[in-house]
Structure formats: C-alpha cells, structure tokens
C-alpha atoms as a PDB file:
ATOM      1  CA  MET A   1     -12.205 -26.946  69.557  1.00  0.00           C
ATOM      2  CA  LYS A   2     -13.780 -30.069  71.034  1.00  0.00           C
ATOM      3  CA  LYS A   3     -14.094 -28.356  74.454  1.00  0.00           C
ATOM      4  CA  ILE A   4     -15.928 -25.452  72.876  1.00  0.00           C
ATOM      5  CA  TRP A   5     -18.383 -27.874  71.150  1.00  0.00           C
ATOM      6  CA  ILE A   6     -19.005 -29.698  74.438  1.00  0.00           C
ATOM      7  CA  THR A   7     -19.586 -26.432  76.288  1.00  0.00           C
ATOM      8  CA  VAL A   8     -21.997 -25.134  73.681  1.00  0.00           C
ATOM      9  CA  LEU A   9     -23.980 -28.339  73.566  1.00  0.00           C
ATOM     10  CA  ALA A  10     -24.082 -28.600  77.330  1.00  0.00           C
ATOM     11  CA  THR A  11     -25.389 -25.067  77.548  1.00  0.00           C
ATOM     12  CA  VAL A  12     -28.072 -25.698  74.957  1.00  0.00           C
ATOM     13  CA  PHE A  13     -29.227 -28.929  76.702  1.00  0.00           C
ATOM     14  CA  THR A  14     -29.176 -27.218  80.131  1.00  0.00           C
ATOM     15  CA  LEU A  15     -31.417 -24.425  78.873  1.00  0.00           C
ATOM     16  CA  MET A  16     -33.782 -26.935  77.281  1.00  0.00           C
ATOM     17  CA  LEU A  17     -33.982 -29.111  80.461  1.00  0.00           C
ATOM     18  CA  ALA A  18     -34.430 -26.086  82.716  1.00  0.00           C
ATOM     19  CA  ALA A  19     -37.306 -24.860  80.677  1.00  0.00           C
ATOM     20  CA  CYS A  20     -39.170 -28.140  80.342  1.00  0.00           C
ATOM     21  CA  GLY A  21     -38.138 -30.303  83.318  1.00  0.00           C
ATOM     22  CA  ASN A  22     -36.978 -33.725  82.333  1.00  0.00           C
ATOM     23  CA  GLU A  23     -38.673 -33.704  78.992  1.00  0.00           C
ATOM     24  CA  ILE A  24     -36.808 -32.671  75.843  1.00  0.00           C
ATOM     25  CA  PRO A  25     -38.918 -30.113  74.068  1.00  0.00           C
ATOM     26  CA  GLU A  26     -39.634 -30.354  70.384  1.00  0.00           C
ATOM     27  CA  LEU A  27     -38.215 -27.376  68.366  1.00  0.00           C
ATOM     28  CA  SER A  28     -39.573 -26.047  65.127  1.00  0.00           C
ATOM     29  CA  ASP A  29     -37.331 -25.746  62.052  1.00  0.00           C
ATOM     30  CA  GLU A  30     -36.888 -22.031  62.623  1.00  0.00           C
ATOM     31  CA  GLU A  31     -35.950 -22.538  66.258  1.00  0.00           C
ATOM     32  CA  MET A  32     -33.441 -25.303  65.291  1.00  0.00           C
ATOM     33  CA  TYR A  33     -31.888 -22.948  62.703  1.00  0.00           C
ATOM     34  CA  MET A  34     -31.501 -20.247  65.382  1.00  0.00           C
ATOM     35  CA  VAL A  35     -29.828 -22.668  67.787  1.00  0.00           C
ATOM     36  CA  GLU A  36     -27.463 -23.877  65.032  1.00  0.00           C
ATOM     37  CA  GLU A  37     -26.600 -20.324  63.938  1.00  0.00           C
ATOM     38  CA  TYR A  38     -25.927 -19.340  67.574  1.00  0.00           C
ATOM     39  CA  ALA A  39     -23.694 -22.321  68.082  1.00  0.00           C
ATOM     40  CA  ALA A  40     -21.758 -21.633  64.924  1.00  0.00           C
ATOM     41  CA  ARG A  41     -21.180 -18.021  65.866  1.00  0.00           C
ATOM     42  CA  LEU A  42     -19.865 -19.072  69.232  1.00  0.00           C
ATOM     43  CA  LEU A  43     -17.489 -21.528  67.621  1.00  0.00           C
ATOM     44  CA  LEU A  44     -16.147 -18.890  65.205  1.00  0.00           C
ATOM     45  CA  LYS A  45     -15.862 -16.338  68.007  1.00  0.00           C
ATOM     46  CA  TYR A  46     -13.616 -18.522  70.161  1.00  0.00           C
ATOM     47  CA  ASP A  47     -11.652 -20.082  67.255  1.00  0.00           C
ATOM     48  CA  ALA A  48      -8.135 -18.680  67.368  1.00  0.00           C
ATOM     49  CA  ASN A  49      -7.652 -19.415  63.607  1.00  0.00           C
ATOM     50  CA  TYR A  50     -10.765 -17.506  62.530  1.00  0.00           C
ATOM     51  CA  GLN A  51     -10.403 -14.160  60.749  1.00  0.00           C
ATOM     52  CA  GLY A  52     -13.355 -11.971  60.224  1.00  0.00           C
ATOM     53  CA  THR A  53     -14.398 -11.225  56.651  1.00  0.00           C
ATOM     54  CA  THR A  54     -16.396  -8.122  57.328  1.00  0.00           C
ATOM     55  CA  LEU A  55     -15.055  -5.184  55.171  1.00  0.00           C
ATOM     56  CA  SER A  56     -15.021  -1.534  56.075  1.00  0.00           C
ATOM     57  CA  ASP A  57     -16.940   1.001  54.024  1.00  0.00           C
ATOM     58  CA  GLU A  58     -13.620   2.287  52.565  1.00  0.00           C
ATOM     59  CA  GLU A  59     -12.517  -1.220  51.573  1.00  0.00           C
ATOM     60  CA  ILE A  60     -15.908  -1.904  49.954  1.00  0.00           C
ATOM     61  CA  ALA A  61     -15.692   1.375  48.012  1.00  0.00           C
ATOM     62  CA  GLU A  62     -12.159   0.522  46.779  1.00  0.00           C
ATOM     63  CA  LYS A  63     -13.202  -2.993  45.647  1.00  0.00           C
ATOM     64  CA  ARG A  64     -16.281  -1.542  43.873  1.00  0.00           C
ATOM     65  CA  ALA A  65     -14.107   1.066  42.098  1.00  0.00           C
ATOM     66  CA  GLU A  66     -11.662  -1.674  41.033  1.00  0.00           C
ATOM     67  CA  ALA A  67     -14.461  -3.832  39.704  1.00  0.00           C
ATOM     68  CA  GLU A  68     -15.881  -0.901  37.782  1.00  0.00           C
ATOM     69  CA  ARG A  69     -12.469  -0.129  36.319  1.00  0.00           C
ATOM     70  CA  ARG A  70     -11.997  -3.680  35.152  1.00  0.00           C
ATOM     71  CA  ALA A  71     -15.489  -3.731  33.607  1.00  0.00           C
ATOM     72  CA  ASP A  72     -14.740  -0.446  31.788  1.00  0.00           C
ATOM     73  CA  VAL A  73     -11.404  -1.778  30.377  1.00  0.00           C
ATOM     74  CA  GLN A  74     -13.109  -4.993  29.253  1.00  0.00           C
ATOM     75  CA  ALA A  75     -15.935  -3.057  27.623  1.00  0.00           C
ATOM     76  CA  LYS A  76     -13.449  -0.898  25.696  1.00  0.00           C
ATOM     77  CA  ALA A  77     -11.464  -3.906  24.569  1.00  0.00           C
ATOM     78  CA  GLU A  78     -14.615  -5.605  23.341  1.00  0.00           C
ATOM     79  CA  ALA A  79     -15.671  -2.418  21.448  1.00  0.00           C
ATOM     80  CA  ASP A  80     -12.248  -2.215  19.771  1.00  0.00           C
ATOM     81  CA  ARG A  81     -12.435  -5.837  18.765  1.00  0.00           C
ATOM     82  CA  GLU A  82     -15.870  -5.375  17.252  1.00  0.00           C
ATOM     83  CA  ALA A  83     -14.678  -2.267  15.383  1.00  0.00           C
ATOM     84  CA  ARG A  84     -11.696  -4.138  13.883  1.00  0.00           C
ATOM     85  CA  GLU A  85     -13.869  -7.010  12.810  1.00  0.00           C
ATOM     86  CA  LYS A  86     -16.337  -4.655  11.201  1.00  0.00           C
ATOM     87  CA  LYS A  87     -13.547  -2.813   9.302  1.00  0.00           C
ATOM     88  CA  LYS A  88     -12.077  -6.107   8.133  1.00  0.00           C
ATOM     89  CA  ALA A  89     -15.476  -7.317   6.919  1.00  0.00           C
ATOM     90  CA  GLU A  90     -16.042  -4.062   5.018  1.00  0.00           C
ATOM     91  CA  LYS A  91     -12.645  -4.374   3.282  1.00  0.00           C
ATOM     92  CA  GLU A  92     -13.319  -7.999   2.311  1.00  0.00           C
ATOM     93  CA  ALA A  93     -16.722  -7.056   0.963  1.00  0.00           C
ATOM     94  CA  GLN A  94     -15.195  -4.201  -1.087  1.00  0.00           C
ATOM     95  CA  LYS A  95     -12.561  -6.550  -2.554  1.00  0.00           C
ATOM     96  CA  ALA A  96     -15.214  -9.115  -3.405  1.00  0.00           C
ATOM     97  CA  SER A  97     -17.302  -6.407  -5.093  1.00  0.00           C
ATOM     98  CA  GLU A  98     -14.326  -5.200  -7.139  1.00  0.00           C
ATOM     99  CA  SER A  99     -13.508  -8.737  -8.164  1.00  0.00           C
ATOM    100  CA  GLU A 100     -17.094  -9.372  -9.308  1.00  0.00           C
ATOM    101  CA  ASP A 101     -17.152  -6.124 -11.276  1.00  0.00           C
ATOM    102  CA  GLY A 102     -13.941  -7.107 -13.072  1.00  0.00           C
ATOM    103  CA  GLU A 103     -15.183 -10.561 -13.944  1.00  0.00           C
ATOM    104  CA  GLY A 104     -18.906 -10.282 -14.387  1.00  0.00           C
ATOM    105  CA  GLY A 105     -19.554  -7.448 -16.739  1.00  0.00           C
ATOM    106  CA  GLY A 106     -20.215  -4.776 -14.106  1.00  0.00           C
ATOM    107  CA  GLU A 107     -18.393  -1.500 -13.978  1.00  0.00           C
ATOM    108  CA  SER A 108     -14.912  -1.941 -15.380  1.00  0.00           C
ATOM    109  CA  THR A 109     -12.074  -1.474 -12.935  1.00  0.00           C
ATOM    110  CA  ALA A 110      -9.350  -1.567 -15.658  1.00  0.00           C
ATOM    111  CA  ALA A 111      -7.073   1.422 -15.773  1.00  0.00           C
ATOM    112  CA  PRO A 112      -7.803   3.868 -18.605  1.00  0.00           C
ATOM    113  CA  GLU A 113      -5.583   3.589 -21.701  1.00  0.00           C
ATOM    114  CA  LYS A 114      -2.515   5.721 -21.390  1.00  0.00           C
ATOM    115  CA  GLU A 115      -2.252   8.795 -23.586  1.00  0.00           C
ATOM    116  CA  TYR A 116       1.058   9.535 -25.310  1.00  0.00           C
ATOM    117  CA  ALA A 117       2.298  12.888 -26.563  1.00  0.00           C
ATOM    118  CA  ASP A 118       2.843  13.927 -30.139  1.00  0.00           C
ATOM    119  CA  ILE A 119       6.567  14.510 -30.679  1.00  0.00           C
ATOM    120  CA  ALA A 120       6.409  17.591 -32.896  1.00  0.00           C
ATOM    121  CA  ALA A 121       3.594  19.177 -30.862  1.00  0.00           C
ATOM    122  CA  PHE A 122       5.609  18.712 -27.632  1.00  0.00           C
ATOM    123  CA  LEU A 123       8.666  20.313 -29.339  1.00  0.00           C
ATOM    124  CA  GLY A 124       6.535  23.274 -30.365  1.00  0.00           C
ATOM    125  CA  LEU A 125       6.952  22.672 -34.122  1.00  0.00           C
ATOM    126  CA  ASP A 126       3.671  23.987 -35.510  1.00  0.00           C
ATOM    127  CA  GLY A 127       2.619  22.504 -38.869  1.00  0.00           C
ATOM    128  CA  ILE A 128       5.297  19.774 -38.586  1.00  0.00           C
ATOM    129  CA  SER A 129       4.804  16.066 -37.922  1.00  0.00           C
ATOM    130  CA  ILE A 130       7.490  13.698 -36.694  1.00  0.00           C
ATOM    131  CA  GLU A 131       6.650  10.015 -37.050  1.00  0.00           C
ATOM    132  CA  TYR A 132       8.688   6.999 -35.919  1.00  0.00           C
ATOM    133  CA  ALA A 133       9.884   4.912 -38.920  1.00  0.00           C
ATOM    134  CA  GLY A 134      11.864   1.951 -37.582  1.00  0.00           C
ATOM    135  CA  PHE A 135      15.170   1.019 -36.083  1.00  0.00           C
ATOM    136  CA  ALA A 136      18.412  -0.850 -36.896  1.00  0.00           C
ATOM    137  CA  PHE A 137      21.549  -1.933 -35.052  1.00  0.00           C
ATOM    138  CA  SER A 138      24.937  -0.590 -36.306  1.00  0.00           C
ATOM    139  CA  GLU A 139      28.571  -0.468 -35.242  1.00  0.00           C
ATOM    140  CA  VAL A 140      28.875   3.184 -36.514  1.00  0.00           C
ATOM    141  CA  TYR A 141      26.780   6.286 -36.845  1.00  0.00           C
ATOM    142  CA  PRO A 142      25.706   7.551 -39.314  1.00  0.00           C
ATOM    143  CA  MET A 143      24.901   4.233 -40.980  1.00  0.00           C
ATOM    144  CA  ASP A 144      25.685   3.660 -44.701  1.00  0.00           C
ATOM    145  CA  SER A 145      27.639   6.863 -44.837  1.00  0.00           C
ATOM    146  CA  ASP A 146      30.175   7.635 -47.585  1.00  0.00           C
ATOM    147  CA  ILE A 147      32.313   9.641 -45.215  1.00  0.00           C
ATOM    148  CA  THR A 148      35.101   8.107 -43.193  1.00  0.00           C
ATOM    149  CA  GLN A 149      35.903  10.990 -40.910  1.00  0.00           C
ATOM    150  CA  GLY A 150      33.854  11.955 -37.840  1.00  0.00           C
ATOM    151  CA  LEU A 151      31.961   8.699 -37.577  1.00  0.00           C
ATOM    152  CA  ALA A 152      30.917   7.572 -34.134  1.00  0.00           C
ATOM    153  CA  HIS A 153      32.122   3.991 -33.385  1.00  0.00           C
ATOM    154  CA  ALA A 154      30.467   1.822 -30.802  1.00  0.00           C
ATOM    155  CA  PRO A 155      32.844   0.874 -27.924  1.00  0.00           C
ATOM    156  CA  SER A 156      33.892  -2.723 -27.399  1.00  0.00           C
ATOM    157  CA  GLY A 157      31.017  -4.849 -26.239  1.00  0.00           C
ATOM    158  CA  LYS A 158      28.484  -2.199 -27.381  1.00  0.00           C
ATOM    159  CA  LYS A 159      26.531  -1.307 -30.516  1.00  0.00           C
ATOM    160  CA  PHE A 160      24.289   1.482 -31.608  1.00  0.00           C
ATOM    161  CA  MET A 161      20.505   1.254 -31.936  1.00  0.00           C
ATOM    162  CA  VAL A 162      19.562   3.842 -34.622  1.00  0.00           C
ATOM    163  CA  LEU A 163      15.926   4.990 -34.593  1.00  0.00           C
ATOM    164  CA  ALA A 164      14.582   6.527 -37.756  1.00  0.00           C
ATOM    165  CA  PHE A 165      11.966   9.296 -37.961  1.00  0.00           C
ATOM    166  CA  ARG A 166      10.174  11.022 -40.846  1.00  0.00           C
ATOM    167  CA  MET A 167       9.846  14.789 -40.364  1.00  0.00           C
ATOM    168  CA  SER A 168       7.176  16.323 -42.631  1.00  0.00           C
ATOM    169  CA  ASN A 169       6.057  19.893 -43.273  1.00  0.00           C
ATOM    170  CA  LYS A 170       2.256  19.946 -43.506  1.00  0.00           C
ATOM    171  CA  SER A 171       1.732  23.640 -43.020  1.00  0.00           C
ATOM    172  CA  GLY A 172       1.670  24.733 -46.721  1.00  0.00           C
ATOM    173  CA  ALA A 173       4.596  27.104 -46.144  1.00  0.00           C
ATOM    174  CA  ASP A 174       8.331  26.739 -45.652  1.00  0.00           C
ATOM    175  CA  LYS A 175       9.382  26.149 -42.072  1.00  0.00           C
ATOM    176  CA  GLU A 176      12.686  26.934 -40.450  1.00  0.00           C
ATOM    177  CA  ILE A 177      13.680  24.162 -37.985  1.00  0.00           C
ATOM    178  CA  ASP A 178      16.273  24.875 -35.312  1.00  0.00           C
ATOM    179  CA  MET A 179      16.453  22.095 -32.692  1.00  0.00           C
ATOM    180  CA  ASN A 180      19.383  23.862 -31.009  1.00  0.00           C
ATOM    181  CA  ALA A 181      16.954  26.595 -29.998  1.00  0.00           C
ATOM    182  CA  VAL A 182      14.435  24.097 -28.701  1.00  0.00           C
ATOM    183  CA  ASN A 183      17.211  22.246 -26.829  1.00  0.00           C
ATOM    184  CA  PRO A 184      15.358  18.999 -26.112  1.00  0.00           C
ATOM    185  CA  SER A 185      16.595  15.728 -24.585  1.00  0.00           C
ATOM    186  CA  PHE A 186      15.295  12.257 -25.429  1.00  0.00           C
ATOM    187  CA  THR A 187      15.533   9.062 -23.399  1.00  0.00           C
ATOM    188  CA  VAL A 188      14.535   5.822 -25.121  1.00  0.00           C
ATOM    189  CA  VAL A 189      12.839   3.178 -22.883  1.00  0.00           C
ATOM    190  CA  LEU A 190      13.176  -0.400 -24.278  1.00  0.00           C
ATOM    191  CA  GLY A 191      10.968  -3.268 -23.138  1.00  0.00           C
ATOM    192  CA  ALA A 192      10.674  -3.690 -19.383  1.00  0.00           C
ATOM    193  CA  GLY A 193      12.611  -0.479 -18.554  1.00  0.00           C
ATOM    194  CA  VAL A 194      16.067  -0.323 -20.063  1.00  0.00           C
ATOM    195  CA  LYS A 195      16.619   3.445 -20.434  1.00  0.00           C
ATOM    196  CA  LYS A 196      19.158   4.964 -22.808  1.00  0.00           C
ATOM    197  CA  SER A 197      19.722   8.633 -23.587  1.00  0.00           C
ATOM    198  CA  ALA A 198      19.871   9.659 -27.248  1.00  0.00           C
ATOM    199  CA  GLN A 199      23.398  10.899 -28.235  1.00  0.00           C
ATOM    200  CA  PRO A 200      24.121  14.036 -30.264  1.00  0.00           C
ATOM    201  CA  SER A 201      26.202  13.953 -33.395  1.00  0.00           C
ATOM    202  CA  MET A 202      27.585  16.538 -35.802  1.00  0.00           C
ATOM    203  CA  GLN A 203      27.183  14.048 -38.629  1.00  0.00           C
ATOM    204  CA  GLY A 204      24.042  12.980 -40.361  1.00  0.00           C
ATOM    205  CA  ASP A 205      20.563  14.371 -39.806  1.00  0.00           C
ATOM    206  CA  ASN A 206      20.452  13.860 -36.051  1.00  0.00           C
ATOM    207  CA  LEU A 207      17.144  15.079 -34.599  1.00  0.00           C
ATOM    208  CA  LEU A 208      18.841  16.473 -31.492  1.00  0.00           C
ATOM    209  CA  GLY A 209      20.679  19.135 -33.451  1.00  0.00           C
ATOM    210  CA  TYR A 210      18.838  19.374 -36.735  1.00  0.00           C
ATOM    211  CA  THR A 211      18.885  22.834 -38.368  1.00  0.00           C
ATOM    212  CA  GLY A 212      17.446  23.668 -41.773  1.00  0.00           C
ATOM    213  CA  THR A 213      14.530  24.770 -43.914  1.00  0.00           C
ATOM    214  CA  LEU A 214      11.780  22.305 -44.513  1.00  0.00           C
ATOM    215  CA  ALA A 215       9.832  23.281 -47.614  1.00  0.00           C
ATOM    216  CA  ALA A 216       6.021  23.021 -47.748  1.00  0.00           C
ATOM    217  CA  GLY A 217       5.092  19.387 -48.267  1.00  0.00           C
ATOM    218  CA  GLU A 218       8.687  18.228 -47.849  1.00  0.00           C
ATOM    219  CA  THR A 219       9.616  15.115 -45.763  1.00  0.00           C
ATOM    220  CA  LYS A 220      13.003  14.678 -44.272  1.00  0.00           C
ATOM    221  CA  ASP A 221      14.564  11.509 -42.742  1.00  0.00           C
ATOM    222  CA  VAL A 222      16.134  12.188 -39.328  1.00  0.00           C
ATOM    223  CA  GLN A 223      17.543   9.872 -36.675  1.00  0.00           C
ATOM    224  CA  LEU A 224      18.362   9.393 -33.023  1.00  0.00           C
ATOM    225  CA  PHE A 225      20.815   6.767 -31.777  1.00  0.00           C
ATOM    226  CA  ILE A 226      21.498   5.173 -28.445  1.00  0.00           C
ATOM    227  CA  GLU A 227      24.243   2.867 -27.164  1.00  0.00           C
ATOM    228  CA  VAL A 228      23.248  -0.672 -26.052  1.00  0.00           C
ATOM    229  CA  ASN A 229      25.008  -3.887 -25.165  1.00  0.00           C
ATOM    230  CA  ALA A 230      26.269  -5.926 -28.109  1.00  0.00           C
ATOM    231  CA  ASN A 231      23.958  -8.858 -27.244  1.00  0.00           C
ATOM    232  CA  THR A 232      20.810  -6.728 -27.073  1.00  0.00           C
ATOM    233  CA  GLU A 233      17.942  -8.405 -28.941  1.00  0.00           C
ATOM    234  CA  PRO A 234      15.345  -6.415 -30.885  1.00  0.00           C
ATOM    235  CA  PRO A 235      12.869  -5.113 -28.279  1.00  0.00           C
ATOM    236  CA  HIS A 236       9.150  -5.676 -28.501  1.00  0.00           C
ATOM    237  CA  THR A 237       8.208  -2.250 -27.208  1.00  0.00           C
ATOM    238  CA  ALA A 238       9.806   1.207 -27.003  1.00  0.00           C
ATOM    239  CA  THR A 239       8.740   4.571 -25.750  1.00  0.00           C
ATOM    240  CA  MET A 240      10.550   7.881 -25.624  1.00  0.00           C
ATOM    241  CA  ASN A 241      10.701  10.303 -22.761  1.00  0.00           C
ATOM    242  CA  MET A 242      11.092  13.933 -23.905  1.00  0.00           C
ATOM    243  CA  LYS A 243      12.132  17.032 -21.907  1.00  0.00           C
ATOM    244  CA  LYS A 244      12.413  20.713 -22.758  1.00  0.00           C
ATOM    245  CA  ASP A 245      12.149  23.892 -20.769  1.00  0.00           C
ATOM    246  CA  GLY A 246      11.392  21.999 -17.584  1.00  0.00           C
ATOM    247  CA  GLU A 247       8.498  20.131 -19.185  1.00  0.00           C
ATOM    248  CA  SER A 248       8.341  16.409 -19.887  1.00  0.00           C
ATOM    249  CA  ALA A 249       6.186  14.009 -21.847  1.00  0.00           C
ATOM    250  CA  GLU A 250       6.278  10.426 -23.183  1.00  0.00           C
ATOM    251  CA  ALA A 251       5.807   9.309 -26.756  1.00  0.00           C
ATOM    252  CA  MET A 252       5.020   5.849 -27.988  1.00  0.00           C
ATOM    253  CA  LEU A 253       7.459   4.537 -30.621  1.00  0.00           C
ATOM    254  CA  PHE A 254       6.294   1.002 -31.183  1.00  0.00           C
ATOM    255  CA  ALA A 255       4.600  -1.972 -29.420  1.00  0.00           C
ATOM    256  CA  GLU A 256       4.221  -5.415 -30.954  1.00  0.00           C
END
C-alpha cells in the first residue's frame, strides 16, 4: 500500500514539475479535487482487498422489488393497526354512551318487563280462571284428609310442597273440565332455579287429573304438589312452566 502511495505521489509531482519547470504550480480547488479523486481511484484499483460495489441492473431491480415488498407489508400492517384501534375506540364510545343513558335519564336500556301466561287460557279453558292461592309443606298428600288409604307419603329426607289454586267458572254457564284430555305437565321453579315436576295423584282435587262439572259462578279448590328436600325453606319467588300439545309457557305464582 505504501509503495502505491509513493508511486502515485511521485507521478503527480513529476507531471507538475515537467509542466512548470522547477516551480510548483498553484492548483485551484477543483483541480486539487480531481487530483485527489484520481489518486484515490488508483489506490482502490490496485488494492487487493478492495471489492467493487457497483451493482448490475438485475441486482438493482431485485433490491428495488424487495424494498417495495417490505414497504407494502409495512403499509398493510399499519393499516390493520389503525383499523383495530378505530374499532376499539368505537366500542368504548358505545359502552360509554349506553352507560350514560342508563344513569342519566336518557333512553332506558333496561330489559322490558317479562310477560307471564294466564294458566287457564294456556290450558284452553274458556270462561275459567285459575289463580294461585298459596302453599304449605306436608309429609303426606292430600293434606288434612280423613282417608288413610292411598295417601302419598314423602320419602325419608323429603317433604311435599303443596301449591293451592282456586279454579272459578266465570262464563255464566256450567263447564265440563277434563284435564286428562288436555294432558298438561307442570314444572315449578323455586327461587334461583330449583325445578321440580308436579306429581299426579288419584286422591284429592289434583289439577293434573281433575275431572268434573264446574257450575256457573262456582269456585273449586285444586292443588299441585312437588317433592323437595326436608330442609327446604319457604322460597321468595316461584314460577311454573307449563306444557301441552308441544306448546310451552311460563306462569308467575308469587314473588315477594
């Protein structure tokens, strides 16, 4: 490397002396730049460790395509990020609006009050009303019965919850009631979701199998009973799911 420098400098000075005798000419800035660039190129040309950086047209096209591909990927990623942020902001704004409506007297977001079915209307008993009348716990069904045969006894660790109903004929004419033809099923739902199916009985005036004539203006006491645990406390709410002919409905019994 040192030999190359010495050769280049000697050549430059030789040319300068040959052109101007013994005097060293003064060079302009542009001329000095040209001399320096020429010397640098010579050094690089004869440097064994130098590797040219000039790219072919094909290599340039490949690098340009790669750069464009990366830019396209980055642009898509940025667009996706902006879209996610926008969607998130819209959801937060919607939640905030709903919260304000619920608190500040705007449009109410409360669910509409649930509608419950009329028991007699669901059973298809025209002119008849069936109203819930209370409940009681008992070890046997029917309760307070004079008979001793055919009573249903609650199993060990269980008791019966007997639900009373008042069935009235308000049509002004006698009505034949045949619940066996209607063939309904009743499931009583206590409190937070304890579900118990009403049990049939050949004794007493059980609504599941009641058959008889109800005179105009007459009211009849009927019952349903379910089996519950012996330690069951009186519930604060109760509803009744009703089914017949593939249809279903829910009736409210009581809610404290």
